[in-house]
Amino acid sequence: QAASISNIVGIVGPVYSRESPIIADFGERVGIPVISYAATDPDLSDRNAYPAFYRTVPSDNAAATAIVKLFIRFNWTSCIIIYQNDAYGSNGAKILTELFIKNNLIVADTLVFDITTLRMQDNLKNFLISSSTRIVIVWAGSIYTPLIIQNALDSDVLGPHFTWILSSSLSLNSFHETYHQKLIGMLTVGP
């Protein structure tokens, strides 16, 4: 009731998809829109479930579709997906896998980056070297992607031997300039 007589006209945020359902439900209950500039979970597009929720970035479906189109365009057939172990990462890996199956592409394997320990749940170098595919998709947030790429640099599994596709942007300033040459050819597909 206090919100209905206040000057509040809406909520900008939240940043994370995992927070959005709670805030969107609140916004609906008090009759104000919730506008997120970063939440990308496709479930939030359901107008019946989240009628007060809006976003200014596309859902993860758009990025996953772009990655699949990239594979089709270059006649690539398989990949490994590295994803962070939370809703964002597991949903992204799920969306990618579903789209790959629909397009007769193969997810050869998946590897989890643990956001609690900040480590891979397997030995990255052994994992990639033993795989037949040389294309790696990283579905992780901008906080964790530099850690994953640093692990790959330390393990010497970046270019030119592997093609890496990232779901979030990455600054070259995150790495010592001696590594910059190995980062050439890395692709970013995101909102």
C-alpha atoms as a PDB file:
ATOM      1  CA  GLN A   1       0.000   0.000   0.000  1.00  0.00           C
ATOM      2  CA  ALA A   2       2.856   2.397   0.791  1.00  0.00           C
ATOM      3  CA  ALA A   3       4.321   1.830  -2.671  1.00  0.00           C
ATOM      4  CA  SER A   4       1.045   2.790  -4.344  1.00  0.00           C
ATOM      5  CA  ILE A   5       1.063   6.243  -2.719  1.00  0.00           C
ATOM      6  CA  SER A   6       4.800   6.848  -3.049  1.00  0.00           C
ATOM      7  CA  ASN A   7       6.787   8.453  -5.834  1.00  0.00           C
ATOM      8  CA  ILE A   8       8.331   5.107  -6.845  1.00  0.00           C
ATOM      9  CA  VAL A   9       7.531   4.429 -10.485  1.00  0.00           C
ATOM     10  CA  GLY A  10       9.698   1.352 -11.059  1.00  0.00           C
ATOM     11  CA  ILE A  11      12.765  -0.650 -10.116  1.00  0.00           C
ATOM     12  CA  VAL A  12      15.948  -0.654 -12.192  1.00  0.00           C
ATOM     13  CA  GLY A  13      17.794  -3.898 -11.659  1.00  0.00           C
ATOM     14  CA  PRO A  14      18.569  -6.502 -10.553  1.00  0.00           C
ATOM     15  CA  VAL A  15      21.829  -7.341 -12.246  1.00  0.00           C
ATOM     16  CA  TYR A  16      21.677 -11.128 -11.914  1.00  0.00           C
ATOM     17  CA  SER A  17      19.087 -13.478 -13.343  1.00  0.00           C
ATOM     18  CA  ARG A  18      18.966 -15.439 -10.099  1.00  0.00           C
ATOM     19  CA  GLU A  19      17.677 -12.336  -8.251  1.00  0.00           C
ATOM     20  CA  SER A  20      15.188 -11.287 -10.905  1.00  0.00           C
ATOM     21  CA  PRO A  21      12.256 -13.642 -10.166  1.00  0.00           C
ATOM     22  CA  ILE A  22      12.062 -12.445  -6.558  1.00  0.00           C
ATOM     23  CA  ILE A  23      12.227  -8.757  -7.474  1.00  0.00           C
ATOM     24  CA  ALA A  24       9.839  -9.249 -10.427  1.00  0.00           C
ATOM     25  CA  ASP A  25       7.261 -10.899  -8.154  1.00  0.00           C
ATOM     26  CA  PHE A  26       7.583  -8.010  -5.716  1.00  0.00           C
ATOM     27  CA  GLY A  27       7.158  -5.475  -8.535  1.00  0.00           C
ATOM     28  CA  GLU A  28       4.046  -7.243  -9.749  1.00  0.00           C
ATOM     29  CA  ARG A  29       2.551  -7.319  -6.237  1.00  0.00           C
ATOM     30  CA  VAL A  30       3.023  -3.591  -5.687  1.00  0.00           C
ATOM     31  CA  GLY A  31       2.152  -2.657  -9.270  1.00  0.00           C
ATOM     32  CA  ILE A  32       5.453  -1.281 -10.567  1.00  0.00           C
ATOM     33  CA  PRO A  33       7.671  -2.480 -13.433  1.00  0.00           C
ATOM     34  CA  VAL A  34      11.069  -4.067 -12.881  1.00  0.00           C
ATOM     35  CA  ILE A  35      13.630  -3.302 -15.595  1.00  0.00           C
ATOM     36  CA  SER A  36      16.881  -5.259 -15.628  1.00  0.00           C
ATOM     37  CA  TYR A  37      19.893  -4.176 -17.648  1.00  0.00           C
ATOM     38  CA  ALA A  38      21.761  -7.467 -17.249  1.00  0.00           C
ATOM     39  CA  ALA A  39      19.477 -10.435 -16.427  1.00  0.00           C
ATOM     40  CA  THR A  40      19.570 -12.841 -19.388  1.00  0.00           C
ATOM     41  CA  ASP A  41      17.725 -15.974 -18.189  1.00  0.00           C
ATOM     42  CA  PRO A  42      15.249 -16.964 -20.942  1.00  0.00           C
ATOM     43  CA  ASP A  43      12.641 -17.990 -18.341  1.00  0.00           C
ATOM     44  CA  LEU A  44      12.249 -14.305 -17.487  1.00  0.00           C
ATOM     45  CA  SER A  45      10.740 -13.760 -20.960  1.00  0.00           C
ATOM     46  CA  ASP A  46       7.577 -15.608 -19.896  1.00  0.00           C
ATOM     47  CA  ARG A  47       5.025 -12.768 -19.743  1.00  0.00           C
ATOM     48  CA  ASN A  48       2.549 -14.952 -17.830  1.00  0.00           C
ATOM     49  CA  ALA A  49       5.045 -15.753 -15.088  1.00  0.00           C
ATOM     50  CA  TYR A  50       6.715 -12.312 -14.983  1.00  0.00           C
ATOM     51  CA  PRO A  51       4.278  -9.667 -16.300  1.00  0.00           C
ATOM     52  CA  ALA A  52       6.057  -6.788 -14.522  1.00  0.00           C
ATOM     53  CA  PHE A  53       9.568  -7.763 -15.696  1.00  0.00           C
ATOM     54  CA  TYR A  54      11.366  -6.086 -18.604  1.00  0.00           C
ATOM     55  CA  ARG A  55      14.963  -6.174 -19.738  1.00  0.00           C
ATOM     56  CA  THR A  56      17.243  -4.109 -21.924  1.00  0.00           C
ATOM     57  CA  VAL A  57      19.472  -7.019 -23.014  1.00  0.00           C
ATOM     58  CA  PRO A  58      18.517 -10.090 -25.031  1.00  0.00           C
ATOM     59  CA  SER A  59      18.033 -13.428 -23.308  1.00  0.00           C
ATOM     60  CA  ASP A  60      20.679 -16.153 -23.350  1.00  0.00           C
ATOM     61  CA  ASN A  61      18.756 -17.769 -26.207  1.00  0.00           C
ATOM     62  CA  ALA A  62      20.007 -15.031 -28.534  1.00  0.00           C
ATOM     63  CA  ALA A  63      23.679 -15.630 -27.687  1.00  0.00           C
ATOM     64  CA  ALA A  64      23.270 -19.413 -27.927  1.00  0.00           C
ATOM     65  CA  THR A  65      21.545 -19.058 -31.307  1.00  0.00           C
ATOM     66  CA  ALA A  66      24.374 -16.832 -32.561  1.00  0.00           C
ATOM     67  CA  ILE A  67      26.940 -19.446 -31.490  1.00  0.00           C
ATOM     68  CA  VAL A  68      25.034 -22.197 -33.312  1.00  0.00           C
ATOM     69  CA  LYS A  69      24.875 -20.028 -36.453  1.00  0.00           C
ATOM     70  CA  LEU A  70      28.632 -19.513 -36.186  1.00  0.00           C
ATOM     71  CA  PHE A  71      29.135 -23.292 -36.077  1.00  0.00           C
ATOM     72  CA  ILE A  72      26.899 -23.800 -39.096  1.00  0.00           C
ATOM     73  CA  ARG A  73      28.584 -20.988 -41.056  1.00  0.00           C
ATOM     74  CA  PHE A  74      32.080 -22.429 -40.527  1.00  0.00           C
ATOM     75  CA  ASN A  75      31.006 -26.085 -40.781  1.00  0.00           C
ATOM     76  CA  TRP A  76      32.148 -26.805 -37.251  1.00  0.00           C
ATOM     77  CA  THR A  77      30.558 -29.924 -35.804  1.00  0.00           C
ATOM     78  CA  SER A  78      31.481 -30.256 -32.128  1.00  0.00           C
ATOM     79  CA  CYS A  79      32.623 -28.424 -29.038  1.00  0.00           C
ATOM     80  CA  ILE A  80      33.407 -28.643 -25.361  1.00  0.00           C
ATOM     81  CA  ILE A  81      31.406 -26.395 -23.030  1.00  0.00           C
ATOM     82  CA  ILE A  82      33.002 -24.959 -19.900  1.00  0.00           C
ATOM     83  CA  TYR A  83      30.431 -23.393 -17.600  1.00  0.00           C
ATOM     84  CA  GLN A  84      30.240 -21.928 -14.114  1.00  0.00           C
ATOM     85  CA  ASN A  85      28.340 -23.998 -11.554  1.00  0.00           C
ATOM     86  CA  ASP A  86      25.337 -21.775 -10.878  1.00  0.00           C
ATOM     87  CA  ALA A  87      22.000 -21.048 -12.546  1.00  0.00           C
ATOM     88  CA  TYR A  88      23.574 -18.811 -15.207  1.00  0.00           C
ATOM     89  CA  GLY A  89      26.183 -21.372 -16.212  1.00  0.00           C
ATOM     90  CA  SER A  90      24.038 -24.489 -16.080  1.00  0.00           C
ATOM     91  CA  ASN A  91      21.144 -22.794 -17.920  1.00  0.00           C
ATOM     92  CA  GLY A  92      23.539 -21.561 -20.604  1.00  0.00           C
ATOM     93  CA  ALA A  93      25.044 -25.029 -21.057  1.00  0.00           C
ATOM     94  CA  LYS A  94      21.525 -26.496 -21.222  1.00  0.00           C
ATOM     95  CA  ILE A  95      20.350 -23.992 -23.852  1.00  0.00           C
ATOM     96  CA  LEU A  96      23.477 -24.552 -25.957  1.00  0.00           C
ATOM     97  CA  THR A  97      23.167 -28.331 -25.738  1.00  0.00           C
ATOM     98  CA  GLU A  98      19.491 -28.228 -26.781  1.00  0.00           C
ATOM     99  CA  LEU A  99      20.254 -25.968 -29.760  1.00  0.00           C
ATOM    100  CA  PHE A 100      23.238 -28.107 -30.766  1.00  0.00           C
ATOM    101  CA  ILE A 101      21.059 -31.237 -30.779  1.00  0.00           C
ATOM    102  CA  LYS A 102      18.357 -29.486 -32.854  1.00  0.00           C
ATOM    103  CA  ASN A 103      21.016 -28.528 -35.408  1.00  0.00           C
ATOM    104  CA  ASN A 104      22.811 -31.903 -35.529  1.00  0.00           C
ATOM    105  CA  LEU A 105      25.858 -30.526 -33.746  1.00  0.00           C
ATOM    106  CA  ILE A 106      27.709 -32.289 -30.941  1.00  0.00           C
ATOM    107  CA  VAL A 107      28.617 -31.209 -27.437  1.00  0.00           C
ATOM    108  CA  ALA A 108      31.529 -33.608 -26.986  1.00  0.00           C
ATOM    109  CA  ASP A 109      31.876 -32.921 -23.278  1.00  0.00           C
ATOM    110  CA  THR A 110      31.340 -30.372 -20.529  1.00  0.00           C
ATOM    111  CA  LEU A 111      33.631 -29.080 -17.825  1.00  0.00           C
ATOM    112  CA  VAL A 112      32.545 -27.204 -14.708  1.00  0.00           C
ATOM    113  CA  PHE A 113      34.254 -24.149 -13.249  1.00  0.00           C
ATOM    114  CA  ASP A 114      33.498 -24.079  -9.525  1.00  0.00           C
ATOM    115  CA  ILE A 115      32.657 -20.510  -8.471  1.00  0.00           C
ATOM    116  CA  THR A 116      33.253 -21.349  -4.806  1.00  0.00           C
ATOM    117  CA  THR A 117      36.782 -22.747  -5.140  1.00  0.00           C
ATOM    118  CA  LEU A 118      37.533 -20.730  -8.316  1.00  0.00           C
ATOM    119  CA  ARG A 119      38.935 -23.877  -9.943  1.00  0.00           C
ATOM    120  CA  MET A 120      38.046 -26.288 -12.694  1.00  0.00           C
ATOM    121  CA  GLN A 121      36.516 -29.519 -11.474  1.00  0.00           C
ATOM    122  CA  ASP A 122      38.955 -31.430 -13.696  1.00  0.00           C
ATOM    123  CA  ASN A 123      42.446 -30.894 -15.110  1.00  0.00           C
ATOM    124  CA  LEU A 124      41.849 -28.475 -17.990  1.00  0.00           C
ATOM    125  CA  LYS A 125      44.924 -29.414 -20.024  1.00  0.00           C
ATOM    126  CA  ASN A 126      44.344 -33.175 -19.833  1.00  0.00           C
ATOM    127  CA  PHE A 127      40.644 -32.672 -20.494  1.00  0.00           C
ATOM    128  CA  LEU A 128      41.184 -30.618 -23.662  1.00  0.00           C
ATOM    129  CA  ILE A 129      44.199 -32.470 -25.041  1.00  0.00           C
ATOM    130  CA  SER A 130      42.367 -35.809 -24.809  1.00  0.00           C
ATOM    131  CA  SER A 131      39.323 -34.462 -26.669  1.00  0.00           C
ATOM    132  CA  SER A 132      38.853 -34.780 -30.420  1.00  0.00           C
ATOM    133  CA  THR A 133      37.282 -31.320 -30.691  1.00  0.00           C
ATOM    134  CA  ARG A 134      39.311 -28.129 -30.685  1.00  0.00           C
ATOM    135  CA  ILE A 135      36.494 -25.649 -30.109  1.00  0.00           C
ATOM    136  CA  VAL A 136      35.778 -24.551 -26.547  1.00  0.00           C
ATOM    137  CA  ILE A 137      32.737 -22.524 -25.504  1.00  0.00           C
ATOM    138  CA  VAL A 138      32.956 -20.753 -22.144  1.00  0.00           C
ATOM    139  CA  TRP A 139      29.571 -19.913 -20.625  1.00  0.00           C
ATOM    140  CA  ALA A 140      30.582 -17.883 -17.594  1.00  0.00           C
ATOM    141  CA  GLY A 141      30.103 -14.398 -16.224  1.00  0.00           C
ATOM    142  CA  SER A 142      32.613 -11.587 -16.629  1.00  0.00           C
ATOM    143  CA  ILE A 143      33.967 -12.211 -13.120  1.00  0.00           C
ATOM    144  CA  TYR A 144      34.879 -15.847 -13.814  1.00  0.00           C
ATOM    145  CA  THR A 145      35.834 -15.781 -17.511  1.00  0.00           C
ATOM    146  CA  PRO A 146      39.278 -14.177 -16.906  1.00  0.00           C
ATOM    147  CA  LEU A 147      40.040 -16.880 -14.320  1.00  0.00           C
ATOM    148  CA  ILE A 148      39.107 -19.624 -16.782  1.00  0.00           C
ATOM    149  CA  ILE A 149      41.181 -18.041 -19.551  1.00  0.00           C
ATOM    150  CA  GLN A 150      44.163 -17.567 -17.215  1.00  0.00           C
ATOM    151  CA  ASN A 151      43.914 -21.273 -16.392  1.00  0.00           C
ATOM    152  CA  ALA A 152      43.928 -22.015 -20.133  1.00  0.00           C
ATOM    153  CA  LEU A 153      46.957 -19.754 -20.648  1.00  0.00           C
ATOM    154  CA  ASP A 154      48.815 -21.468 -17.812  1.00  0.00           C
ATOM    155  CA  SER A 155      47.923 -24.846 -19.337  1.00  0.00           C
ATOM    156  CA  ASP A 156      48.901 -23.702 -22.869  1.00  0.00           C
ATOM    157  CA  VAL A 157      45.581 -24.705 -24.434  1.00  0.00           C
ATOM    158  CA  LEU A 158      44.640 -21.495 -26.246  1.00  0.00           C
ATOM    159  CA  GLY A 159      45.400 -20.382 -29.800  1.00  0.00           C
ATOM    160  CA  PRO A 160      46.461 -21.538 -32.255  1.00  0.00           C
ATOM    161  CA  HIS A 161      45.581 -25.062 -31.098  1.00  0.00           C
ATOM    162  CA  PHE A 162      42.080 -24.301 -29.813  1.00  0.00           C
ATOM    163  CA  THR A 163      39.329 -21.876 -30.786  1.00  0.00           C
ATOM    164  CA  TRP A 164      37.645 -20.309 -27.756  1.00  0.00           C
ATOM    165  CA  ILE A 165      34.194 -18.720 -27.829  1.00  0.00           C
ATOM    166  CA  LEU A 166      33.155 -16.697 -24.769  1.00  0.00           C
ATOM    167  CA  SER A 167      29.678 -15.725 -23.590  1.00  0.00           C
ATOM    168  CA  SER A 168      30.941 -12.581 -21.854  1.00  0.00           C
ATOM    169  CA  SER A 169      33.392  -9.863 -22.756  1.00  0.00           C
ATOM    170  CA  LEU A 170      37.006 -10.041 -21.739  1.00  0.00           C
ATOM    171  CA  SER A 171      39.533  -7.235 -21.427  1.00  0.00           C
ATOM    172  CA  LEU A 172      43.089  -7.815 -22.606  1.00  0.00           C
ATOM    173  CA  ASN A 173      44.120  -5.744 -19.596  1.00  0.00           C
ATOM    174  CA  SER A 174      43.170  -8.753 -17.455  1.00  0.00           C
ATOM    175  CA  PHE A 175      46.344 -10.494 -18.661  1.00  0.00           C
ATOM    176  CA  HIS A 176      50.050  -9.749 -18.811  1.00  0.00           C
ATOM    177  CA  GLU A 177      50.999  -8.482 -22.269  1.00  0.00           C
ATOM    178  CA  THR A 178      53.243 -11.507 -22.868  1.00  0.00           C
ATOM    179  CA  TYR A 179      50.016 -13.532 -23.180  1.00  0.00           C
ATOM    180  CA  HIS A 180      48.271 -11.244 -25.671  1.00  0.00           C
ATOM    181  CA  GLN A 181      49.523 -13.146 -28.735  1.00  0.00           C
ATOM    182  CA  LYS A 182      47.886 -16.351 -27.467  1.00  0.00           C
ATOM    183  CA  LEU A 183      44.552 -14.551 -27.066  1.00  0.00           C
ATOM    184  CA  ILE A 184      44.313 -13.766 -30.781  1.00  0.00           C
ATOM    185  CA  GLY A 185      41.393 -15.535 -32.406  1.00  0.00           C
ATOM    186  CA  MET A 186      39.246 -15.731 -29.303  1.00  0.00           C
ATOM    187  CA  LEU A 187      35.604 -14.835 -30.013  1.00  0.00           C
ATOM    188  CA  THR A 188      33.026 -13.205 -27.769  1.00  0.00           C
ATOM    189  CA  VAL A 189      29.295 -13.694 -28.323  1.00  0.00           C
ATOM    190  CA  GLY A 190      27.102 -11.923 -25.825  1.00  0.00           C
ATOM    191  CA  PRO A 191      24.439  -9.321 -25.255  1.00  0.00           C
END
